[in-house]
Amino acid sequence: SRLRRVLEADPRLARELRSLLDDEITPVLPAPERARVETLV
């Protein structure tokens, strides 16, 4: 919800959030949690 509010206020931040997710957060997760985060739509 917090992240949604930030992106609703400024959708241009989505690219930076994607980079944060891919480069900083997802790599520290254990494999099972990484699979929960890496979604395919």
PDB file of all heavy atoms in Angstrom:
ATOM      1  N   SER A   1       0.837  -1.216   0.000  1.00  0.00           N
ATOM      2  CA  SER A   1       0.000   0.000   0.000  1.00  0.00           C
ATOM      3  C   SER A   1       0.860   1.249   0.000  1.00  0.00           C
ATOM      4  O   SER A   1       0.564   2.216  -0.719  1.00  0.00           O
ATOM      5  CB  SER A   1      -0.920   0.007   1.220  1.00  0.00           C
ATOM      6  OG  SER A   1      -1.839  -1.044   1.144  1.00  0.00           O
ATOM      7  N   ARG A   2       1.905   1.252   0.789  1.00  0.00           N
ATOM      8  CA  ARG A   2       2.797   2.413   0.832  1.00  0.00           C
ATOM      9  C   ARG A   2       3.426   2.663  -0.541  1.00  0.00           C
ATOM     10  O   ARG A   2       3.479   3.802  -1.012  1.00  0.00           O
ATOM     11  CB  ARG A   2       3.912   2.200   1.857  1.00  0.00           C
ATOM     12  CG  ARG A   2       3.458   2.240   3.292  1.00  0.00           C
ATOM     13  CD  ARG A   2       4.620   1.811   4.199  1.00  0.00           C
ATOM     14  NE  ARG A   2       4.249   1.750   5.581  1.00  0.00           N
ATOM     15  CZ  ARG A   2       4.677   2.605   6.514  1.00  0.00           C
ATOM     16  NH1 ARG A   2       5.500   3.574   6.191  1.00  0.00           N
ATOM     17  NH2 ARG A   2       4.293   2.481   7.759  1.00  0.00           N
ATOM     18  N   LEU A   3       3.920   1.582  -1.145  1.00  0.00           N
ATOM     19  CA  LEU A   3       4.554   1.715  -2.461  1.00  0.00           C
ATOM     20  C   LEU A   3       3.538   2.137  -3.525  1.00  0.00           C
ATOM     21  O   LEU A   3       3.849   2.957  -4.387  1.00  0.00           O
ATOM     22  CB  LEU A   3       5.220   0.394  -2.850  1.00  0.00           C
ATOM     23  CG  LEU A   3       6.442   0.029  -2.014  1.00  0.00           C
ATOM     24  CD1 LEU A   3       6.808  -1.433  -2.206  1.00  0.00           C
ATOM     25  CD2 LEU A   3       7.610   0.941  -2.344  1.00  0.00           C
ATOM     26  N   ARG A   4       2.340   1.611  -3.450  1.00  0.00           N
ATOM     27  CA  ARG A   4       1.290   1.980  -4.410  1.00  0.00           C
ATOM     28  C   ARG A   4       0.999   3.479  -4.347  1.00  0.00           C
ATOM     29  O   ARG A   4       0.866   4.139  -5.371  1.00  0.00           O
ATOM     30  CB  ARG A   4       0.010   1.181  -4.148  1.00  0.00           C
ATOM     31  CG  ARG A   4      -1.111   1.497  -5.146  1.00  0.00           C
ATOM     32  CD  ARG A   4      -2.338   0.625  -4.953  1.00  0.00           C
ATOM     33  NE  ARG A   4      -2.041  -0.746  -5.356  1.00  0.00           N
ATOM     34  CZ  ARG A   4      -1.919  -1.773  -4.510  1.00  0.00           C
ATOM     35  NH1 ARG A   4      -2.097  -1.614  -3.216  1.00  0.00           N
ATOM     36  NH2 ARG A   4      -1.641  -2.976  -4.953  1.00  0.00           N
ATOM     37  N   ARG A   5       0.914   4.014  -3.134  1.00  0.00           N
ATOM     38  CA  ARG A   5       0.641   5.457  -2.988  1.00  0.00           C
ATOM     39  C   ARG A   5       1.754   6.300  -3.618  1.00  0.00           C
ATOM     40  O   ARG A   5       1.480   7.315  -4.262  1.00  0.00           O
ATOM     41  CB  ARG A   5       0.452   5.814  -1.522  1.00  0.00           C
ATOM     42  CG  ARG A   5      -0.887   5.364  -0.962  1.00  0.00           C
ATOM     43  CD  ARG A   5      -1.173   5.951   0.409  1.00  0.00           C
ATOM     44  NE  ARG A   5      -0.212   5.553   1.428  1.00  0.00           N
ATOM     45  CZ  ARG A   5      -0.292   4.463   2.183  1.00  0.00           C
ATOM     46  NH1 ARG A   5      -1.311   3.625   2.015  1.00  0.00           N
ATOM     47  NH2 ARG A   5       0.609   4.208   3.091  1.00  0.00           N
ATOM     48  N   VAL A   6       2.994   5.873  -3.452  1.00  0.00           N
ATOM     49  CA  VAL A   6       4.112   6.618  -4.044  1.00  0.00           C
ATOM     50  C   VAL A   6       4.006   6.586  -5.564  1.00  0.00           C
ATOM     51  O   VAL A   6       4.136   7.623  -6.227  1.00  0.00           O
ATOM     52  CB  VAL A   6       5.470   6.051  -3.576  1.00  0.00           C
ATOM     53  CG1 VAL A   6       6.613   6.690  -4.346  1.00  0.00           C
ATOM     54  CG2 VAL A   6       5.656   6.269  -2.078  1.00  0.00           C
ATOM     55  N   LEU A   7       3.749   5.414  -6.121  1.00  0.00           N
ATOM     56  CA  LEU A   7       3.675   5.304  -7.580  1.00  0.00           C
ATOM     57  C   LEU A   7       2.437   5.961  -8.160  1.00  0.00           C
ATOM     58  O   LEU A   7       2.477   6.466  -9.281  1.00  0.00           O
ATOM     59  CB  LEU A   7       3.757   3.842  -8.016  1.00  0.00           C
ATOM     60  CG  LEU A   7       5.092   3.150  -7.761  1.00  0.00           C
ATOM     61  CD1 LEU A   7       5.085   1.757  -8.360  1.00  0.00           C
ATOM     62  CD2 LEU A   7       6.268   3.949  -8.266  1.00  0.00           C
ATOM     63  N   GLU A   8       1.344   5.968  -7.420  1.00  0.00           N
ATOM     64  CA  GLU A   8       0.151   6.668  -7.902  1.00  0.00           C
ATOM     65  C   GLU A   8       0.410   8.165  -7.980  1.00  0.00           C
ATOM     66  O   GLU A   8      -0.071   8.839  -8.885  1.00  0.00           O
ATOM     67  CB  GLU A   8      -1.047   6.378  -7.006  1.00  0.00           C
ATOM     68  CG  GLU A   8      -1.634   5.004  -7.239  1.00  0.00           C
ATOM     69  CD  GLU A   8      -2.725   4.624  -6.239  1.00  0.00           C
ATOM     70  OE1 GLU A   8      -2.925   5.345  -5.231  1.00  0.00           O
ATOM     71  OE2 GLU A   8      -3.375   3.583  -6.464  1.00  0.00           O
ATOM     72  N   ALA A   9       1.182   8.681  -7.043  1.00  0.00           N
ATOM     73  CA  ALA A   9       1.510  10.109  -7.049  1.00  0.00           C
ATOM     74  C   ALA A   9       2.492  10.453  -8.164  1.00  0.00           C
ATOM     75  O   ALA A   9       2.440  11.545  -8.719  1.00  0.00           O
ATOM     76  CB  ALA A   9       2.084  10.517  -5.697  1.00  0.00           C
ATOM     77  N   ASP A  10       3.377   9.514  -8.489  1.00  0.00           N
ATOM     78  CA  ASP A  10       4.359   9.753  -9.546  1.00  0.00           C
ATOM     79  C   ASP A  10       4.696   8.432 -10.239  1.00  0.00           C
ATOM     80  O   ASP A  10       5.653   7.746  -9.848  1.00  0.00           O
ATOM     81  CB  ASP A  10       5.626  10.390  -8.976  1.00  0.00           C
ATOM     82  CG  ASP A  10       6.585  10.849 -10.064  1.00  0.00           C
ATOM     83  OD1 ASP A  10       6.360  10.534 -11.249  1.00  0.00           O
ATOM     84  OD2 ASP A  10       7.579  11.517  -9.721  1.00  0.00           O
ATOM     85  N   PRO A  11       3.941   8.056 -11.260  1.00  0.00           N
ATOM     86  CA  PRO A  11       4.158   6.782 -11.955  1.00  0.00           C
ATOM     87  C   PRO A  11       5.552   6.659 -12.583  1.00  0.00           C
ATOM     88  O   PRO A  11       6.008   5.549 -12.850  1.00  0.00           O
ATOM     89  CB  PRO A  11       3.078   6.770 -13.041  1.00  0.00           C
ATOM     90  CG  PRO A  11       2.038   7.715 -12.567  1.00  0.00           C
ATOM     91  CD  PRO A  11       2.762   8.760 -11.766  1.00  0.00           C
ATOM     92  N   ARG A  12       6.223   7.779 -12.804  1.00  0.00           N
ATOM     93  CA  ARG A  12       7.574   7.716 -13.387  1.00  0.00           C
ATOM     94  C   ARG A  12       8.563   7.009 -12.472  1.00  0.00           C
ATOM     95  O   ARG A  12       9.602   6.552 -12.920  1.00  0.00           O
ATOM     96  CB  ARG A  12       8.072   9.129 -13.705  1.00  0.00           C
ATOM     97  CG  ARG A  12       7.235   9.830 -14.773  1.00  0.00           C
ATOM     98  CD  ARG A  12       7.634  11.261 -14.916  1.00  0.00           C
ATOM     99  NE  ARG A  12       7.391  11.924 -13.624  1.00  0.00           N
ATOM    100  CZ  ARG A  12       7.757  13.155 -13.329  1.00  0.00           C
ATOM    101  NH1 ARG A  12       8.394  13.876 -14.208  1.00  0.00           N
ATOM    102  NH2 ARG A  12       7.490  13.676 -12.146  1.00  0.00           N
ATOM    103  N   LEU A  13       8.225   6.895 -11.190  1.00  0.00           N
ATOM    104  CA  LEU A  13       9.121   6.230 -10.244  1.00  0.00           C
ATOM    105  C   LEU A  13       9.100   4.708 -10.379  1.00  0.00           C
ATOM    106  O   LEU A  13       9.906   4.018  -9.754  1.00  0.00           O
ATOM    107  CB  LEU A  13       8.756   6.628  -8.812  1.00  0.00           C
ATOM    108  CG  LEU A  13       9.016   8.088  -8.468  1.00  0.00           C
ATOM    109  CD1 LEU A  13       8.364   8.441  -7.141  1.00  0.00           C
ATOM    110  CD2 LEU A  13      10.502   8.354  -8.426  1.00  0.00           C
ATOM    111  N   ALA A  14       8.200   4.190 -11.182  1.00  0.00           N
ATOM    112  CA  ALA A  14       8.095   2.736 -11.351  1.00  0.00           C
ATOM    113  C   ALA A  14       9.393   2.142 -11.885  1.00  0.00           C
ATOM    114  O   ALA A  14       9.808   1.063 -11.457  1.00  0.00           O
ATOM    115  CB  ALA A  14       6.929   2.391 -12.273  1.00  0.00           C
ATOM    116  N   ARG A  15      10.037   2.816 -12.803  1.00  0.00           N
ATOM    117  CA  ARG A  15      11.295   2.299 -13.365  1.00  0.00           C
ATOM    118  C   ARG A  15      12.359   2.178 -12.270  1.00  0.00           C
ATOM    119  O   ARG A  15      13.059   1.185 -12.185  1.00  0.00           O
ATOM    120  CB  ARG A  15      11.783   3.202 -14.489  1.00  0.00           C
ATOM    121  CG  ARG A  15      13.126   2.745 -15.053  1.00  0.00           C
ATOM    122  CD  ARG A  15      13.549   3.540 -16.249  1.00  0.00           C
ATOM    123  NE  ARG A  15      12.830   2.984 -17.396  1.00  0.00           N
ATOM    124  CZ  ARG A  15      12.360   3.700 -18.392  1.00  0.00           C
ATOM    125  NH1 ARG A  15      12.529   4.987 -18.422  1.00  0.00           N
ATOM    126  NH2 ARG A  15      11.728   3.127 -19.384  1.00  0.00           N
ATOM    127  N   GLU A  16      12.450   3.189 -11.421  1.00  0.00           N
ATOM    128  CA  GLU A  16      13.418   3.143 -10.314  1.00  0.00           C
ATOM    129  C   GLU A  16      13.060   2.055  -9.310  1.00  0.00           C
ATOM    130  O   GLU A  16      13.937   1.389  -8.776  1.00  0.00           O
ATOM    131  CB  GLU A  16      13.485   4.490  -9.597  1.00  0.00           C
ATOM    132  CG  GLU A  16      14.305   5.534 -10.304  1.00  0.00           C
ATOM    133  CD  GLU A  16      14.466   6.761  -9.430  1.00  0.00           C
ATOM    134  OE1 GLU A  16      14.804   6.619  -8.238  1.00  0.00           O
ATOM    135  OE2 GLU A  16      14.247   7.860  -9.954  1.00  0.00           O
ATOM    136  N   LEU A  17      11.761   1.891  -9.046  1.00  0.00           N
ATOM    137  CA  LEU A  17      11.334   0.839  -8.128  1.00  0.00           C
ATOM    138  C   LEU A  17      11.671  -0.529  -8.710  1.00  0.00           C
ATOM    139  O   LEU A  17      12.117  -1.423  -7.991  1.00  0.00           O
ATOM    140  CB  LEU A  17       9.843   0.949  -7.820  1.00  0.00           C
ATOM    141  CG  LEU A  17       9.294  -0.100  -6.851  1.00  0.00           C
ATOM    142  CD1 LEU A  17      10.005  -0.047  -5.496  1.00  0.00           C
ATOM    143  CD2 LEU A  17       7.794   0.088  -6.673  1.00  0.00           C
ATOM    144  N   ARG A  18      11.467  -0.705  -9.998  1.00  0.00           N
ATOM    145  CA  ARG A  18      11.814  -1.968 -10.655  1.00  0.00           C
ATOM    146  C   ARG A  18      13.312  -2.250 -10.505  1.00  0.00           C
ATOM    147  O   ARG A  18      13.723  -3.358 -10.194  1.00  0.00           O
ATOM    148  CB  ARG A  18      11.403  -1.926 -12.128  1.00  0.00           C
ATOM    149  CG  ARG A  18      11.896  -3.077 -12.985  1.00  0.00           C
ATOM    150  CD  ARG A  18      11.571  -4.455 -12.480  1.00  0.00           C
ATOM    151  NE  ARG A  18      10.176  -4.750 -12.499  1.00  0.00           N
ATOM    152  CZ  ARG A  18       9.638  -5.835 -11.951  1.00  0.00           C
ATOM    153  NH1 ARG A  18      10.393  -6.733 -11.345  1.00  0.00           N
ATOM    154  NH2 ARG A  18       8.350  -6.047 -11.980  1.00  0.00           N
ATOM    155  N   SER A  19      14.137  -1.233 -10.699  1.00  0.00           N
ATOM    156  CA  SER A  19      15.592  -1.398 -10.532  1.00  0.00           C
ATOM    157  C   SER A  19      15.945  -1.749  -9.095  1.00  0.00           C
ATOM    158  O   SER A  19      16.791  -2.617  -8.843  1.00  0.00           O
ATOM    159  CB  SER A  19      16.336  -0.126 -10.944  1.00  0.00           C
ATOM    160  OG  SER A  19      16.195   0.094 -12.317  1.00  0.00           O
ATOM    161  N   LEU A  20      15.307  -1.070  -8.147  1.00  0.00           N
ATOM    162  CA  LEU A  20      15.533  -1.368  -6.734  1.00  0.00           C
ATOM    163  C   LEU A  20      15.182  -2.828  -6.446  1.00  0.00           C
ATOM    164  O   LEU A  20      15.948  -3.543  -5.802  1.00  0.00           O
ATOM    165  CB  LEU A  20      14.685  -0.434  -5.859  1.00  0.00           C
ATOM    166  CG  LEU A  20      14.641  -0.738  -4.363  1.00  0.00           C
ATOM    167  CD1 LEU A  20      16.000  -0.485  -3.730  1.00  0.00           C
ATOM    168  CD2 LEU A  20      13.564   0.107  -3.692  1.00  0.00           C
ATOM    169  N   LEU A  21      14.050  -3.256  -6.938  1.00  0.00           N
ATOM    170  CA  LEU A  21      13.607  -4.628  -6.722  1.00  0.00           C
ATOM    171  C   LEU A  21      14.582  -5.625  -7.353  1.00  0.00           C
ATOM    172  O   LEU A  21      15.037  -6.561  -6.691  1.00  0.00           O
ATOM    173  CB  LEU A  21      12.204  -4.817  -7.310  1.00  0.00           C
ATOM    174  CG  LEU A  21      11.607  -6.213  -7.232  1.00  0.00           C
ATOM    175  CD1 LEU A  21      11.427  -6.645  -5.785  1.00  0.00           C
ATOM    176  CD2 LEU A  21      10.285  -6.252  -7.977  1.00  0.00           C
ATOM    177  N   ASP A  22      14.916  -5.411  -8.619  1.00  0.00           N
ATOM    178  CA  ASP A  22      15.750  -6.364  -9.345  1.00  0.00           C
ATOM    179  C   ASP A  22      17.211  -6.368  -8.891  1.00  0.00           C
ATOM    180  O   ASP A  22      17.839  -7.427  -8.840  1.00  0.00           O
ATOM    181  CB  ASP A  22      15.704  -6.071 -10.850  1.00  0.00           C
ATOM    182  CG  ASP A  22      14.341  -6.344 -11.455  1.00  0.00           C
ATOM    183  OD1 ASP A  22      13.517  -7.032 -10.811  1.00  0.00           O
ATOM    184  OD2 ASP A  22      14.085  -5.853 -12.576  1.00  0.00           O
ATOM    185  N   ASP A  23      17.741  -5.187  -8.574  1.00  0.00           N
ATOM    186  CA  ASP A  23      19.170  -5.069  -8.303  1.00  0.00           C
ATOM    187  C   ASP A  23      19.549  -5.150  -6.832  1.00  0.00           C
ATOM    188  O   ASP A  23      20.658  -5.574  -6.498  1.00  0.00           O
ATOM    189  CB  ASP A  23      19.712  -3.747  -8.866  1.00  0.00           C
ATOM    190  CG  ASP A  23      19.501  -3.624 -10.364  1.00  0.00           C
ATOM    191  OD1 ASP A  23      19.325  -4.665 -11.035  1.00  0.00           O
ATOM    192  OD2 ASP A  23      19.489  -2.486 -10.869  1.00  0.00           O
ATOM    193  N   GLU A  24      18.650  -4.725  -5.949  1.00  0.00           N
ATOM    194  CA  GLU A  24      19.018  -4.619  -4.536  1.00  0.00           C
ATOM    195  C   GLU A  24      18.265  -5.586  -3.617  1.00  0.00           C
ATOM    196  O   GLU A  24      18.849  -6.111  -2.684  1.00  0.00           O
ATOM    197  CB  GLU A  24      18.760  -3.185  -4.036  1.00  0.00           C
ATOM    198  CG  GLU A  24      19.480  -2.113  -4.810  1.00  0.00           C
ATOM    199  CD  GLU A  24      20.971  -2.089  -4.576  1.00  0.00           C
ATOM    200  OE1 GLU A  24      21.441  -2.610  -3.536  1.00  0.00           O
ATOM    201  OE2 GLU A  24      21.681  -1.558  -5.447  1.00  0.00           O
ATOM    202  N   ILE A  25      16.986  -5.773  -3.860  1.00  0.00           N
ATOM    203  CA  ILE A  25      16.188  -6.536  -2.897  1.00  0.00           C
ATOM    204  C   ILE A  25      16.093  -8.016  -3.264  1.00  0.00           C
ATOM    205  O   ILE A  25      16.412  -8.883  -2.456  1.00  0.00           O
ATOM    206  CB  ILE A  25      14.777  -5.926  -2.748  1.00  0.00           C
ATOM    207  CG1 ILE A  25      14.885  -4.470  -2.310  1.00  0.00           C
ATOM    208  CG2 ILE A  25      13.973  -6.714  -1.716  1.00  0.00           C
ATOM    209  CD1 ILE A  25      13.582  -3.723  -2.320  1.00  0.00           C
ATOM    210  N   THR A  26      15.660  -8.311  -4.481  1.00  0.00           N
ATOM    211  CA  THR A  26      15.480  -9.708  -4.873  1.00  0.00           C
ATOM    212  C   THR A  26      16.760 -10.537  -4.724  1.00  0.00           C
ATOM    213  O   THR A  26      16.690 -11.673  -4.250  1.00  0.00           O
ATOM    214  CB  THR A  26      14.920  -9.800  -6.306  1.00  0.00           C
ATOM    215  OG1 THR A  26      13.689  -9.077  -6.358  1.00  0.00           O
ATOM    216  CG2 THR A  26      14.666 -11.242  -6.708  1.00  0.00           C
ATOM    217  N   PRO A  27      17.932 -10.022  -5.070  1.00  0.00           N
ATOM    218  CA  PRO A  27      19.141 -10.846  -4.939  1.00  0.00           C
ATOM    219  C   PRO A  27      19.459 -11.300  -3.510  1.00  0.00           C
ATOM    220  O   PRO A  27      20.135 -12.307  -3.335  1.00  0.00           O
ATOM    221  CB  PRO A  27      20.259  -9.943  -5.479  1.00  0.00           C
ATOM    222  CG  PRO A  27      19.571  -9.014  -6.409  1.00  0.00           C
ATOM    223  CD  PRO A  27      18.222  -8.765  -5.779  1.00  0.00           C
ATOM    224  N   VAL A  28      18.964 -10.609  -2.487  1.00  0.00           N
ATOM    225  CA  VAL A  28      19.266 -11.023  -1.106  1.00  0.00           C
ATOM    226  C   VAL A  28      18.283 -12.059  -0.582  1.00  0.00           C
ATOM    227  O   VAL A  28      18.495 -12.629   0.481  1.00  0.00           O
ATOM    228  CB  VAL A  28      19.330  -9.818  -0.131  1.00  0.00           C
ATOM    229  CG1 VAL A  28      20.292  -8.757  -0.628  1.00  0.00           C
ATOM    230  CG2 VAL A  28      17.963  -9.236   0.151  1.00  0.00           C
ATOM    231  N   LEU A  29      17.221 -12.312  -1.334  1.00  0.00           N
ATOM    232  CA  LEU A  29      16.197 -13.255  -0.873  1.00  0.00           C
ATOM    233  C   LEU A  29      16.642 -14.700  -1.107  1.00  0.00           C
ATOM    234  O   LEU A  29      17.277 -15.003  -2.106  1.00  0.00           O
ATOM    235  CB  LEU A  29      14.888 -13.016  -1.625  1.00  0.00           C
ATOM    236  CG  LEU A  29      14.212 -11.669  -1.421  1.00  0.00           C
ATOM    237  CD1 LEU A  29      13.008 -11.545  -2.347  1.00  0.00           C
ATOM    238  CD2 LEU A  29      13.804 -11.489   0.024  1.00  0.00           C
ATOM    239  N   PRO A  30      16.264 -15.595  -0.204  1.00  0.00           N
ATOM    240  CA  PRO A  30      16.495 -17.018  -0.443  1.00  0.00           C
ATOM    241  C   PRO A  30      15.676 -17.462  -1.666  1.00  0.00           C
ATOM    242  O   PRO A  30      14.652 -16.863  -1.994  1.00  0.00           O
ATOM    243  CB  PRO A  30      15.974 -17.696   0.822  1.00  0.00           C
ATOM    244  CG  PRO A  30      15.801 -16.619   1.827  1.00  0.00           C
ATOM    245  CD  PRO A  30      15.653 -15.330   1.093  1.00  0.00           C
ATOM    246  N   ALA A  31      16.109 -18.522  -2.313  1.00  0.00           N
ATOM    247  CA  ALA A  31      15.482 -18.984  -3.561  1.00  0.00           C
ATOM    248  C   ALA A  31      13.963 -19.134  -3.479  1.00  0.00           C
ATOM    249  O   ALA A  31      13.264 -18.675  -4.381  1.00  0.00           O
ATOM    250  CB  ALA A  31      16.141 -20.276  -4.024  1.00  0.00           C
ATOM    251  N   PRO A  32      13.398 -19.752  -2.427  1.00  0.00           N
ATOM    252  CA  PRO A  32      11.929 -19.891  -2.407  1.00  0.00           C
ATOM    253  C   PRO A  32      11.205 -18.538  -2.397  1.00  0.00           C
ATOM    254  O   PRO A  32      10.170 -18.371  -3.043  1.00  0.00           O
ATOM    255  CB  PRO A  32      11.651 -20.657  -1.118  1.00  0.00           C
ATOM    256  CG  PRO A  32      12.932 -21.327  -0.766  1.00  0.00           C
ATOM    257  CD  PRO A  32      14.012 -20.444  -1.302  1.00  0.00           C
ATOM    258  N   GLU A  33      11.765 -17.576  -1.680  1.00  0.00           N
ATOM    259  CA  GLU A  33      11.122 -16.255  -1.645  1.00  0.00           C
ATOM    260  C   GLU A  33      11.353 -15.505  -2.947  1.00  0.00           C
ATOM    261  O   GLU A  33      10.502 -14.738  -3.379  1.00  0.00           O
ATOM    262  CB  GLU A  33      11.639 -15.450  -0.459  1.00  0.00           C
ATOM    263  CG  GLU A  33      11.112 -16.001   0.834  1.00  0.00           C
ATOM    264  CD  GLU A  33      11.395 -15.098   1.994  1.00  0.00           C
ATOM    265  OE1 GLU A  33      11.109 -13.887   1.887  1.00  0.00           O
ATOM    266  OE2 GLU A  33      11.888 -15.603   3.003  1.00  0.00           O
ATOM    267  N   ARG A  34      12.497 -15.714  -3.553  1.00  0.00           N
ATOM    268  CA  ARG A  34      12.779 -15.079  -4.833  1.00  0.00           C
ATOM    269  C   ARG A  34      11.738 -15.534  -5.853  1.00  0.00           C
ATOM    270  O   ARG A  34      11.252 -14.728  -6.644  1.00  0.00           O
ATOM    271  CB  ARG A  34      14.184 -15.464  -5.296  1.00  0.00           C
ATOM    272  CG  ARG A  34      14.745 -14.519  -6.301  1.00  0.00           C
ATOM    273  CD  ARG A  34      16.197 -14.794  -6.634  1.00  0.00           C
ATOM    274  NE  ARG A  34      17.028 -14.847  -5.450  1.00  0.00           N
ATOM    275  CZ  ARG A  34      17.911 -15.818  -5.198  1.00  0.00           C
ATOM    276  NH1 ARG A  34      18.083 -16.805  -6.038  1.00  0.00           N
ATOM    277  NH2 ARG A  34      18.637 -15.790  -4.099  1.00  0.00           N
ATOM    278  N   ALA A  35      11.375 -16.797  -5.808  1.00  0.00           N
ATOM    279  CA  ALA A  35      10.370 -17.326  -6.741  1.00  0.00           C
ATOM    280  C   ALA A  35       9.011 -16.673  -6.511  1.00  0.00           C
ATOM    281  O   ALA A  35       8.258 -16.443  -7.463  1.00  0.00           O
ATOM    282  CB  ALA A  35      10.266 -18.840  -6.587  1.00  0.00           C
ATOM    283  N   ARG A  36       8.672 -16.341  -5.252  1.00  0.00           N
ATOM    284  CA  ARG A  36       7.392 -15.676  -4.969  1.00  0.00           C
ATOM    285  C   ARG A  36       7.363 -14.266  -5.523  1.00  0.00           C
ATOM    286  O   ARG A  36       6.313 -13.739  -5.872  1.00  0.00           O
ATOM    287  CB  ARG A  36       7.151 -15.600  -3.461  1.00  0.00           C
ATOM    288  CG  ARG A  36       6.695 -16.876  -2.870  1.00  0.00           C
ATOM    289  CD  ARG A  36       6.313 -16.763  -1.416  1.00  0.00           C
ATOM    290  NE  ARG A  36       6.337 -15.441  -0.836  1.00  0.00           N
ATOM    291  CZ  ARG A  36       6.446 -15.221   0.462  1.00  0.00           C
ATOM    292  NH1 ARG A  36       6.524 -16.203   1.306  1.00  0.00           N
ATOM    293  NH2 ARG A  36       6.458 -13.993   0.931  1.00  0.00           N
ATOM    294  N   VAL A  37       8.526 -13.643  -5.588  1.00  0.00           N
ATOM    295  CA  VAL A  37       8.610 -12.250  -6.008  1.00  0.00           C
ATOM    296  C   VAL A  37       8.710 -12.118  -7.520  1.00  0.00           C
ATOM    297  O   VAL A  37       8.154 -11.199  -8.106  1.00  0.00           O
ATOM    298  CB  VAL A  37       9.820 -11.568  -5.333  1.00  0.00           C
ATOM    299  CG1 VAL A  37      10.103 -10.216  -5.924  1.00  0.00           C
ATOM    300  CG2 VAL A  37       9.590 -11.470  -3.843  1.00  0.00           C
ATOM    301  N   GLU A  38       9.418 -13.021  -8.142  1.00  0.00           N
ATOM    302  CA  GLU A  38       9.600 -12.952  -9.586  1.00  0.00           C
ATOM    303  C   GLU A  38       8.340 -13.462 -10.254  1.00  0.00           C
ATOM    304  O   GLU A  38       8.109 -14.649 -10.364  1.00  0.00           O
ATOM    305  CB  GLU A  38      10.815 -13.774 -10.006  1.00  0.00           C
ATOM    306  CG  GLU A  38      12.102 -13.192  -9.462  1.00  0.00           C
ATOM    307  CD  GLU A  38      13.307 -14.083  -9.682  1.00  0.00           C
ATOM    308  OE1 GLU A  38      13.133 -15.304  -9.912  1.00  0.00           O
ATOM    309  OE2 GLU A  38      14.414 -13.563  -9.620  1.00  0.00           O
ATOM    310  N   THR A  39       7.509 -12.550 -10.653  1.00  0.00           N
ATOM    311  CA  THR A  39       6.212 -12.916 -11.200  1.00  0.00           C
ATOM    312  C   THR A  39       6.214 -12.807 -12.715  1.00  0.00           C
ATOM    313  O   THR A  39       6.966 -12.043 -13.307  1.00  0.00           O
ATOM    314  CB  THR A  39       5.100 -12.001 -10.655  1.00  0.00           C
ATOM    315  OG1 THR A  39       5.406 -10.658 -11.002  1.00  0.00           O
ATOM    316  CG2 THR A  39       4.960 -12.143  -9.163  1.00  0.00           C
ATOM    317  N   LEU A  40       5.366 -13.567 -13.306  1.00  0.00           N
ATOM    318  CA  LEU A  40       5.164 -13.533 -14.732  1.00  0.00           C
ATOM    319  C   LEU A  40       3.707 -13.178 -14.955  1.00  0.00           C
ATOM    320  O   LEU A  40       2.810 -13.856 -14.449  1.00  0.00           O
ATOM    321  CB  LEU A  40       5.477 -14.910 -15.332  1.00  0.00           C
ATOM    322  CG  LEU A  40       5.199 -15.100 -16.813  1.00  0.00           C
ATOM    323  CD1 LEU A  40       6.100 -14.178 -17.632  1.00  0.00           C
ATOM    324  CD2 LEU A  40       5.435 -16.539 -17.194  1.00  0.00           C
ATOM    325  N   VAL A  41       3.473 -12.115 -15.673  1.00  0.00           N
ATOM    326  CA  VAL A  41       2.110 -11.697 -15.955  1.00  0.00           C
ATOM    327  C   VAL A  41       1.873 -11.898 -17.440  1.00  0.00           C
ATOM    328  O   VAL A  41       2.598 -11.379 -18.279  1.00  0.00           O
ATOM    329  CB  VAL A  41       1.891 -10.213 -15.575  1.00  0.00           C
ATOM    330  CG1 VAL A  41       0.497  -9.762 -15.967  1.00  0.00           C
ATOM    331  CG2 VAL A  41       2.156  -9.997 -14.111  1.00  0.00           C
TER     332      VAL A  41
END
